[in-house]
Amino acid sequence: MVRATLHQPTEETLLADVTKQHFCHHDKVFREAFQSLFPPEGAIQQGGGGGGSDDHVHTSATLEFQEVRPINELDTHYTEQLKDAGWTPLGSENTEHTAWSTWQFHDKDNEEWYGAFYLFPLTGERPRYHMSIYANLKDAQQPNWFLHAPLG
């Protein structure tokens, strides 16, 4: 089973936030498609919401630090966790201000999913970063837009 719910080590998860909001019927898909992702040491990670349906799921979070952290350091922290969960990287780009990557993985029923991970800094007094994960079933009715978009 591959799951990705962004949370603090206190087990406060985005999944909990989402199910409280009204996505209870998406819970099974959410739990199957995403693993738990822990924040880097020293980060405050706050859920930003999420949702989905039978063939796609998404979640987001904000990270806050005392000091600016390099995007590549944060990206590596999360992408290593995705790899450990059985996600296979398909493509990525990492710049000074943005990181993204695309992924392929299988759920517990061996159905193929495609995912995208995004990370970028936010403006403000304290160093904050937004990250999001989107995944859709291979044969979903909606297009795999992040796999077919032309690059640069």
N, C-alpha and C. Protein backbone atom coordinates (compact mmCIF):
# COMPACT_ATOMS: atom_id res chain seq x y z
N MET A 1 0.85 -1.17 0.00
CA MET A 1 0.00 0.00 0.00
C MET A 1 0.89 1.23 0.00
N VAL A 2 0.58 2.20 -0.85
CA VAL A 2 1.34 3.43 -0.94
C VAL A 2 0.42 4.57 -0.56
N ARG A 3 0.83 5.33 0.46
CA ARG A 3 0.02 6.45 0.91
C ARG A 3 0.92 7.66 1.12
N ALA A 4 0.39 8.85 0.94
CA ALA A 4 1.17 10.06 1.22
C ALA A 4 0.27 11.12 1.81
N THR A 5 0.33 11.26 3.08
CA THR A 5 -0.39 12.31 3.79
C THR A 5 0.67 13.15 4.46
N LEU A 6 0.68 14.43 4.23
CA LEU A 6 1.68 15.30 4.80
C LEU A 6 1.30 15.59 6.25
N HIS A 7 2.25 15.45 7.19
CA HIS A 7 1.89 15.69 8.58
C HIS A 7 3.08 16.02 9.46
N GLN A 8 2.78 16.49 10.65
CA GLN A 8 3.75 16.70 11.70
C GLN A 8 3.98 15.37 12.40
N PRO A 9 5.09 15.18 13.06
CA PRO A 9 5.31 13.96 13.82
C PRO A 9 4.24 13.72 14.88
N THR A 10 3.43 14.72 15.19
CA THR A 10 2.37 14.57 16.17
C THR A 10 1.18 13.82 15.61
N GLU A 11 1.30 13.34 14.37
CA GLU A 11 0.23 12.61 13.68
C GLU A 11 -0.93 13.52 13.27
N GLU A 12 -0.72 14.81 13.28
CA GLU A 12 -1.74 15.74 12.79
C GLU A 12 -1.61 15.75 11.28
N THR A 13 -2.55 15.16 10.58
CA THR A 13 -2.39 14.96 9.14
C THR A 13 -3.33 15.80 8.31
N LEU A 14 -2.93 15.98 7.06
CA LEU A 14 -3.81 16.64 6.11
C LEU A 14 -5.04 15.78 5.87
N LEU A 15 -4.86 14.48 5.91
CA LEU A 15 -5.99 13.59 5.72
C LEU A 15 -7.07 13.88 6.75
N ALA A 16 -6.65 14.08 7.99
CA ALA A 16 -7.62 14.40 9.03
C ALA A 16 -8.31 15.72 8.71
N ASP A 17 -7.54 16.71 8.24
CA ASP A 17 -8.13 17.99 7.86
C ASP A 17 -9.15 17.81 6.74
N VAL A 18 -8.78 17.02 5.74
CA VAL A 18 -9.64 16.82 4.58
C VAL A 18 -10.93 16.11 4.98
N THR A 19 -10.83 15.05 5.76
CA THR A 19 -12.04 14.32 6.11
C THR A 19 -12.95 15.18 6.97
N LYS A 20 -12.39 16.06 7.77
CA LYS A 20 -13.21 16.98 8.56
C LYS A 20 -13.96 17.94 7.64
N GLN A 21 -13.35 18.31 6.52
CA GLN A 21 -13.95 19.30 5.63
C GLN A 21 -15.17 18.76 4.88
N HIS A 22 -15.13 17.56 4.37
CA HIS A 22 -16.26 16.92 3.70
C HIS A 22 -15.86 15.87 2.68
N PHE A 23 -14.64 15.43 2.71
CA PHE A 23 -14.20 14.46 1.74
C PHE A 23 -14.18 13.04 2.30
N CYS A 24 -15.06 12.73 3.23
CA CYS A 24 -15.05 11.41 3.86
C CYS A 24 -15.15 10.29 2.85
N HIS A 25 -15.94 10.45 1.78
CA HIS A 25 -16.10 9.40 0.80
C HIS A 25 -14.83 9.17 -0.03
N HIS A 26 -13.87 10.09 0.04
CA HIS A 26 -12.61 9.92 -0.68
C HIS A 26 -11.54 9.28 0.20
N ASP A 27 -11.87 9.00 1.43
CA ASP A 27 -10.89 8.54 2.40
C ASP A 27 -10.15 7.28 1.93
N LYS A 28 -10.85 6.31 1.40
CA LYS A 28 -10.22 5.06 0.97
C LYS A 28 -9.17 5.33 -0.11
N VAL A 29 -9.52 6.11 -1.11
CA VAL A 29 -8.58 6.42 -2.19
C VAL A 29 -7.40 7.21 -1.63
N PHE A 30 -7.69 8.18 -0.77
CA PHE A 30 -6.65 9.01 -0.18
C PHE A 30 -5.65 8.14 0.57
N ARG A 31 -6.15 7.24 1.40
CA ARG A 31 -5.27 6.38 2.19
C ARG A 31 -4.48 5.42 1.32
N GLU A 32 -5.07 4.92 0.24
CA GLU A 32 -4.37 3.97 -0.62
C GLU A 32 -3.31 4.65 -1.48
N ALA A 33 -3.56 5.86 -1.91
CA ALA A 33 -2.67 6.50 -2.87
C ALA A 33 -1.50 7.24 -2.23
N PHE A 34 -1.61 7.62 -0.99
CA PHE A 34 -0.58 8.46 -0.37
C PHE A 34 0.00 7.87 0.90
N GLN A 35 1.27 8.00 1.11
CA GLN A 35 1.94 7.57 2.34
C GLN A 35 2.13 8.79 3.23
N SER A 36 2.53 8.58 4.46
CA SER A 36 2.81 9.69 5.37
C SER A 36 4.15 10.31 5.05
N LEU A 37 4.16 11.62 4.90
CA LEU A 37 5.39 12.36 4.65
C LEU A 37 5.67 13.26 5.86
N PHE A 38 6.83 13.08 6.47
CA PHE A 38 7.20 13.86 7.63
C PHE A 38 7.99 15.09 7.21
N PRO A 39 7.82 16.20 7.93
CA PRO A 39 8.56 17.42 7.60
C PRO A 39 10.02 17.32 8.01
N PRO A 40 10.86 18.17 7.44
CA PRO A 40 12.26 18.21 7.87
C PRO A 40 12.35 18.69 9.32
N GLU A 41 13.46 18.37 9.96
CA GLU A 41 13.68 18.81 11.33
C GLU A 41 13.64 20.34 11.39
N GLY A 42 12.96 20.86 12.38
CA GLY A 42 12.86 22.30 12.57
C GLY A 42 11.74 22.97 11.81
N ALA A 43 10.98 22.21 11.03
CA ALA A 43 9.89 22.78 10.24
C ALA A 43 8.56 22.67 10.98
N ILE A 44 7.74 23.66 10.80
CA ILE A 44 6.34 23.59 11.21
C ILE A 44 5.58 23.33 9.92
N GLN A 45 4.90 22.21 9.84
CA GLN A 45 4.17 21.82 8.63
C GLN A 45 2.68 21.90 8.92
N GLN A 46 1.98 22.73 8.16
CA GLN A 46 0.54 22.91 8.34
C GLN A 46 -0.20 22.47 7.09
N GLY A 47 -1.24 21.67 7.32
CA GLY A 47 -2.05 21.20 6.21
C GLY A 47 -2.75 22.33 5.49
N GLY A 48 -2.83 22.19 4.19
CA GLY A 48 -3.51 23.19 3.38
C GLY A 48 -4.78 22.66 2.75
N GLY A 49 -5.09 21.41 3.01
CA GLY A 49 -6.30 20.83 2.46
C GLY A 49 -6.00 19.84 1.36
N GLY A 50 -7.05 19.30 0.80
CA GLY A 50 -6.91 18.31 -0.25
C GLY A 50 -8.26 17.70 -0.57
N GLY A 51 -8.25 16.72 -1.39
CA GLY A 51 -9.49 16.05 -1.77
C GLY A 51 -9.24 15.07 -2.88
N GLY A 52 -10.30 14.67 -3.54
CA GLY A 52 -10.14 13.73 -4.63
C GLY A 52 -11.43 13.02 -4.98
N SER A 53 -11.27 11.97 -5.76
CA SER A 53 -12.40 11.14 -6.17
C SER A 53 -11.87 9.72 -6.33
N ASP A 54 -12.61 8.86 -7.01
CA ASP A 54 -12.14 7.49 -7.20
C ASP A 54 -10.90 7.40 -8.07
N ASP A 55 -10.63 8.42 -8.89
CA ASP A 55 -9.49 8.32 -9.80
C ASP A 55 -8.44 9.42 -9.66
N HIS A 56 -8.58 10.31 -8.67
CA HIS A 56 -7.52 11.29 -8.42
C HIS A 56 -7.58 11.78 -6.98
N VAL A 57 -6.43 12.20 -6.47
CA VAL A 57 -6.32 12.74 -5.12
C VAL A 57 -5.30 13.86 -5.12
N HIS A 58 -5.44 14.80 -4.18
CA HIS A 58 -4.47 15.87 -4.05
C HIS A 58 -4.43 16.35 -2.61
N THR A 59 -3.29 16.86 -2.21
CA THR A 59 -3.11 17.41 -0.88
C THR A 59 -2.01 18.47 -0.93
N SER A 60 -2.02 19.38 0.02
CA SER A 60 -1.00 20.42 0.06
C SER A 60 -0.68 20.77 1.51
N ALA A 61 0.44 21.45 1.70
CA ALA A 61 0.86 21.88 3.02
C ALA A 61 1.78 23.08 2.89
N THR A 62 1.94 23.78 4.01
CA THR A 62 2.88 24.89 4.10
C THR A 62 3.93 24.54 5.15
N LEU A 63 5.18 24.79 4.81
CA LEU A 63 6.29 24.59 5.75
C LEU A 63 6.78 25.94 6.22
N GLU A 64 7.09 26.08 7.50
CA GLU A 64 7.65 27.32 8.02
C GLU A 64 8.91 26.99 8.81
N PHE A 65 9.95 27.81 8.61
CA PHE A 65 11.24 27.62 9.28
C PHE A 65 11.66 28.92 9.95
N GLN A 66 12.65 28.83 10.80
CA GLN A 66 13.27 30.02 11.40
C GLN A 66 14.22 30.70 10.40
N GLU A 67 14.85 29.89 9.55
CA GLU A 67 15.80 30.41 8.57
C GLU A 67 15.49 29.84 7.19
N VAL A 68 15.91 30.55 6.16
CA VAL A 68 15.70 30.11 4.78
C VAL A 68 16.41 28.77 4.57
N ARG A 69 15.73 27.85 3.90
CA ARG A 69 16.32 26.55 3.56
C ARG A 69 16.37 26.44 2.03
N PRO A 70 17.42 25.87 1.49
CA PRO A 70 17.52 25.71 0.04
C PRO A 70 16.42 24.76 -0.47
N ILE A 71 15.82 25.12 -1.60
CA ILE A 71 14.76 24.30 -2.19
C ILE A 71 15.26 22.87 -2.44
N ASN A 72 16.48 22.72 -2.94
CA ASN A 72 16.96 21.37 -3.25
C ASN A 72 17.06 20.50 -1.99
N GLU A 73 17.37 21.08 -0.84
CA GLU A 73 17.42 20.33 0.42
C GLU A 73 16.02 19.83 0.81
N LEU A 74 15.03 20.71 0.68
CA LEU A 74 13.65 20.33 1.02
C LEU A 74 13.11 19.32 0.03
N ASP A 75 13.40 19.54 -1.25
CA ASP A 75 12.95 18.61 -2.28
C ASP A 75 13.52 17.21 -2.02
N THR A 76 14.80 17.13 -1.75
CA THR A 76 15.43 15.84 -1.47
C THR A 76 14.79 15.16 -0.27
N HIS A 77 14.48 15.93 0.77
CA HIS A 77 13.85 15.37 1.97
C HIS A 77 12.56 14.64 1.62
N TYR A 78 11.71 15.26 0.80
CA TYR A 78 10.42 14.65 0.46
C TYR A 78 10.53 13.59 -0.64
N THR A 79 11.36 13.83 -1.64
CA THR A 79 11.45 12.84 -2.72
C THR A 79 12.06 11.52 -2.23
N GLU A 80 12.95 11.58 -1.27
CA GLU A 80 13.49 10.34 -0.70
C GLU A 80 12.38 9.54 -0.01
N GLN A 81 11.47 10.23 0.66
CA GLN A 81 10.36 9.54 1.31
C GLN A 81 9.42 8.91 0.28
N LEU A 82 9.19 9.62 -0.84
CA LEU A 82 8.35 9.05 -1.90
C LEU A 82 9.01 7.81 -2.50
N LYS A 83 10.30 7.87 -2.73
CA LYS A 83 11.02 6.70 -3.25
C LYS A 83 10.93 5.53 -2.27
N ASP A 84 11.12 5.82 -0.98
CA ASP A 84 11.04 4.78 0.04
C ASP A 84 9.66 4.13 0.08
N ALA A 85 8.63 4.86 -0.33
CA ALA A 85 7.26 4.35 -0.34
C ALA A 85 6.95 3.58 -1.62
N GLY A 86 7.92 3.47 -2.51
CA GLY A 86 7.71 2.70 -3.72
C GLY A 86 7.33 3.52 -4.94
N TRP A 87 7.39 4.85 -4.82
CA TRP A 87 7.11 5.70 -5.98
C TRP A 87 8.35 5.70 -6.86
N THR A 88 8.15 5.68 -8.19
CA THR A 88 9.24 5.69 -9.16
C THR A 88 9.29 7.06 -9.83
N PRO A 89 10.42 7.76 -9.75
CA PRO A 89 10.51 9.08 -10.39
C PRO A 89 10.50 8.96 -11.91
N LEU A 90 9.76 9.87 -12.56
CA LEU A 90 9.70 9.90 -14.02
C LEU A 90 10.41 11.11 -14.59
N GLY A 91 10.38 12.23 -13.87
CA GLY A 91 11.02 13.45 -14.33
C GLY A 91 11.05 14.45 -13.20
N SER A 92 11.96 15.42 -13.31
CA SER A 92 12.03 16.45 -12.27
C SER A 92 12.83 17.64 -12.76
N GLU A 93 12.66 18.73 -12.03
CA GLU A 93 13.47 19.92 -12.26
C GLU A 93 13.59 20.62 -10.92
N ASN A 94 14.78 21.11 -10.66
CA ASN A 94 15.06 21.77 -9.39
C ASN A 94 15.82 23.04 -9.70
N THR A 95 15.23 24.19 -9.37
CA THR A 95 15.90 25.47 -9.57
C THR A 95 16.07 26.13 -8.21
N GLU A 96 16.60 27.33 -8.21
CA GLU A 96 16.80 28.05 -6.95
C GLU A 96 15.47 28.33 -6.24
N HIS A 97 14.39 28.48 -7.01
CA HIS A 97 13.11 28.89 -6.42
C HIS A 97 11.98 27.88 -6.54
N THR A 98 12.18 26.79 -7.26
CA THR A 98 11.09 25.84 -7.49
C THR A 98 11.64 24.43 -7.68
N ALA A 99 10.86 23.47 -7.21
CA ALA A 99 11.18 22.07 -7.48
C ALA A 99 9.88 21.37 -7.86
N TRP A 100 9.95 20.51 -8.86
CA TRP A 100 8.80 19.68 -9.21
C TRP A 100 9.33 18.31 -9.64
N SER A 101 8.47 17.33 -9.51
CA SER A 101 8.82 16.00 -9.98
C SER A 101 7.55 15.25 -10.33
N THR A 102 7.66 14.30 -11.26
CA THR A 102 6.53 13.45 -11.62
C THR A 102 6.89 12.02 -11.26
N TRP A 103 5.86 11.23 -10.95
CA TRP A 103 6.06 9.91 -10.37
C TRP A 103 5.05 8.91 -10.92
N GLN A 104 5.39 7.64 -10.75
CA GLN A 104 4.49 6.54 -11.06
C GLN A 104 4.53 5.60 -9.87
N PHE A 105 3.38 5.04 -9.49
CA PHE A 105 3.34 4.08 -8.40
C PHE A 105 2.11 3.19 -8.55
N HIS A 106 2.06 2.11 -7.79
CA HIS A 106 0.94 1.18 -7.79
C HIS A 106 0.30 1.14 -6.42
N ASP A 107 -1.03 1.09 -6.38
CA ASP A 107 -1.73 1.00 -5.10
C ASP A 107 -1.82 -0.47 -4.67
N LYS A 108 -2.52 -0.73 -3.56
CA LYS A 108 -2.58 -2.09 -3.03
C LYS A 108 -3.30 -3.05 -3.97
N ASP A 109 -4.12 -2.54 -4.88
CA ASP A 109 -4.79 -3.38 -5.88
C ASP A 109 -3.97 -3.49 -7.16
N ASN A 110 -2.73 -2.99 -7.11
CA ASN A 110 -1.81 -2.98 -8.24
C ASN A 110 -2.28 -2.11 -9.40
N GLU A 111 -3.13 -1.14 -9.10
CA GLU A 111 -3.54 -0.18 -10.14
C GLU A 111 -2.45 0.88 -10.26
N GLU A 112 -2.18 1.27 -11.49
CA GLU A 112 -1.12 2.23 -11.77
C GLU A 112 -1.62 3.67 -11.59
N TRP A 113 -0.83 4.47 -10.89
CA TRP A 113 -1.11 5.88 -10.64
C TRP A 113 0.06 6.72 -11.13
N TYR A 114 -0.22 7.97 -11.48
CA TYR A 114 0.80 8.94 -11.82
C TYR A 114 0.64 10.13 -10.88
N GLY A 115 1.76 10.67 -10.42
CA GLY A 115 1.70 11.76 -9.46
C GLY A 115 2.65 12.88 -9.81
N ALA A 116 2.40 14.03 -9.19
CA ALA A 116 3.27 15.20 -9.34
C ALA A 116 3.47 15.83 -7.96
N PHE A 117 4.69 16.24 -7.68
CA PHE A 117 5.05 16.91 -6.43
C PHE A 117 5.60 18.28 -6.79
N TYR A 118 5.13 19.33 -6.10
CA TYR A 118 5.57 20.70 -6.34
C TYR A 118 6.01 21.33 -5.04
N LEU A 119 7.03 22.17 -5.09
CA LEU A 119 7.53 22.86 -3.91
C LEU A 119 8.07 24.22 -4.33
N PHE A 120 7.64 25.29 -3.64
CA PHE A 120 8.15 26.61 -3.95
C PHE A 120 8.04 27.52 -2.72
N PRO A 121 8.89 28.56 -2.62
CA PRO A 121 8.85 29.46 -1.48
C PRO A 121 7.67 30.44 -1.57
N LEU A 122 7.21 30.89 -0.41
CA LEU A 122 6.17 31.91 -0.32
C LEU A 122 6.81 33.19 0.22
N THR A 123 6.19 34.32 -0.06
CA THR A 123 6.71 35.57 0.46
C THR A 123 6.20 35.79 1.88
N GLY A 124 6.91 36.59 2.63
CA GLY A 124 6.51 36.90 3.99
C GLY A 124 7.71 37.14 4.88
N GLU A 125 7.45 37.45 6.14
CA GLU A 125 8.51 37.74 7.08
C GLU A 125 9.33 36.50 7.46
N ARG A 126 8.66 35.37 7.60
CA ARG A 126 9.35 34.13 7.96
C ARG A 126 9.49 33.25 6.73
N PRO A 127 10.55 32.46 6.65
CA PRO A 127 10.72 31.55 5.51
C PRO A 127 9.61 30.49 5.50
N ARG A 128 8.80 30.52 4.44
CA ARG A 128 7.71 29.56 4.28
C ARG A 128 7.75 29.00 2.87
N TYR A 129 7.26 27.77 2.74
CA TYR A 129 7.26 27.07 1.46
C TYR A 129 5.93 26.37 1.29
N HIS A 130 5.45 26.35 0.06
CA HIS A 130 4.21 25.63 -0.26
C HIS A 130 4.61 24.36 -1.00
N MET A 131 3.94 23.26 -0.65
CA MET A 131 4.15 22.03 -1.41
C MET A 131 2.81 21.37 -1.64
N SER A 132 2.75 20.65 -2.75
CA SER A 132 1.51 19.94 -3.06
C SER A 132 1.84 18.65 -3.80
N ILE A 133 0.92 17.70 -3.67
CA ILE A 133 1.02 16.42 -4.36
C ILE A 133 -0.32 16.18 -5.03
N TYR A 134 -0.28 15.78 -6.28
CA TYR A 134 -1.47 15.42 -7.04
C TYR A 134 -1.21 14.06 -7.66
N ALA A 135 -2.19 13.17 -7.64
CA ALA A 135 -2.03 11.87 -8.29
C ALA A 135 -3.34 11.48 -8.95
N ASN A 136 -3.23 10.83 -10.10
CA ASN A 136 -4.42 10.29 -10.74
C ASN A 136 -4.16 8.90 -11.28
N LEU A 137 -5.23 8.12 -11.27
CA LEU A 137 -5.20 6.76 -11.78
C LEU A 137 -4.84 6.78 -13.25
N LYS A 138 -4.05 5.83 -13.72
CA LYS A 138 -3.58 5.81 -15.11
C LYS A 138 -4.74 5.92 -16.09
N ASP A 139 -5.80 5.19 -15.88
CA ASP A 139 -6.91 5.20 -16.82
C ASP A 139 -8.04 6.14 -16.41
N ALA A 140 -7.68 7.19 -15.67
CA ALA A 140 -8.68 8.17 -15.23
C ALA A 140 -9.32 8.86 -16.43
N GLN A 141 -10.55 9.30 -16.26
CA GLN A 141 -11.26 10.00 -17.33
C GLN A 141 -10.65 11.35 -17.63
N GLN A 142 -10.00 11.96 -16.62
CA GLN A 142 -9.36 13.25 -16.86
C GLN A 142 -7.95 13.01 -17.38
N PRO A 143 -7.38 13.94 -18.12
CA PRO A 143 -6.05 13.72 -18.69
C PRO A 143 -4.95 13.76 -17.63
N ASN A 144 -3.85 13.08 -17.91
CA ASN A 144 -2.65 13.17 -17.08
C ASN A 144 -1.91 14.44 -17.50
N TRP A 145 -2.44 15.60 -17.16
CA TRP A 145 -1.92 16.87 -17.66
C TRP A 145 -0.47 17.09 -17.33
N PHE A 146 -0.01 16.62 -16.19
CA PHE A 146 1.37 16.89 -15.81
C PHE A 146 2.34 15.96 -16.52
N LEU A 147 1.87 14.92 -17.15
CA LEU A 147 2.75 14.03 -17.90
C LEU A 147 2.86 14.44 -19.37
N HIS A 148 1.89 15.20 -19.85
CA HIS A 148 1.85 15.53 -21.27
C HIS A 148 2.15 16.98 -21.58
N ALA A 149 2.36 17.79 -20.55
CA ALA A 149 2.65 19.20 -20.78
C ALA A 149 4.05 19.33 -21.38
N PRO A 150 4.21 20.18 -22.42
CA PRO A 150 5.55 20.37 -23.00
C PRO A 150 6.47 21.06 -21.99
N LEU A 151 7.71 20.66 -21.97
CA LEU A 151 8.68 21.26 -21.05
C LEU A 151 9.45 22.35 -21.75
N GLY A 152 9.63 23.47 -21.01
CA GLY A 152 10.43 24.60 -21.34
C GLY A 152 10.73 24.90 -22.71
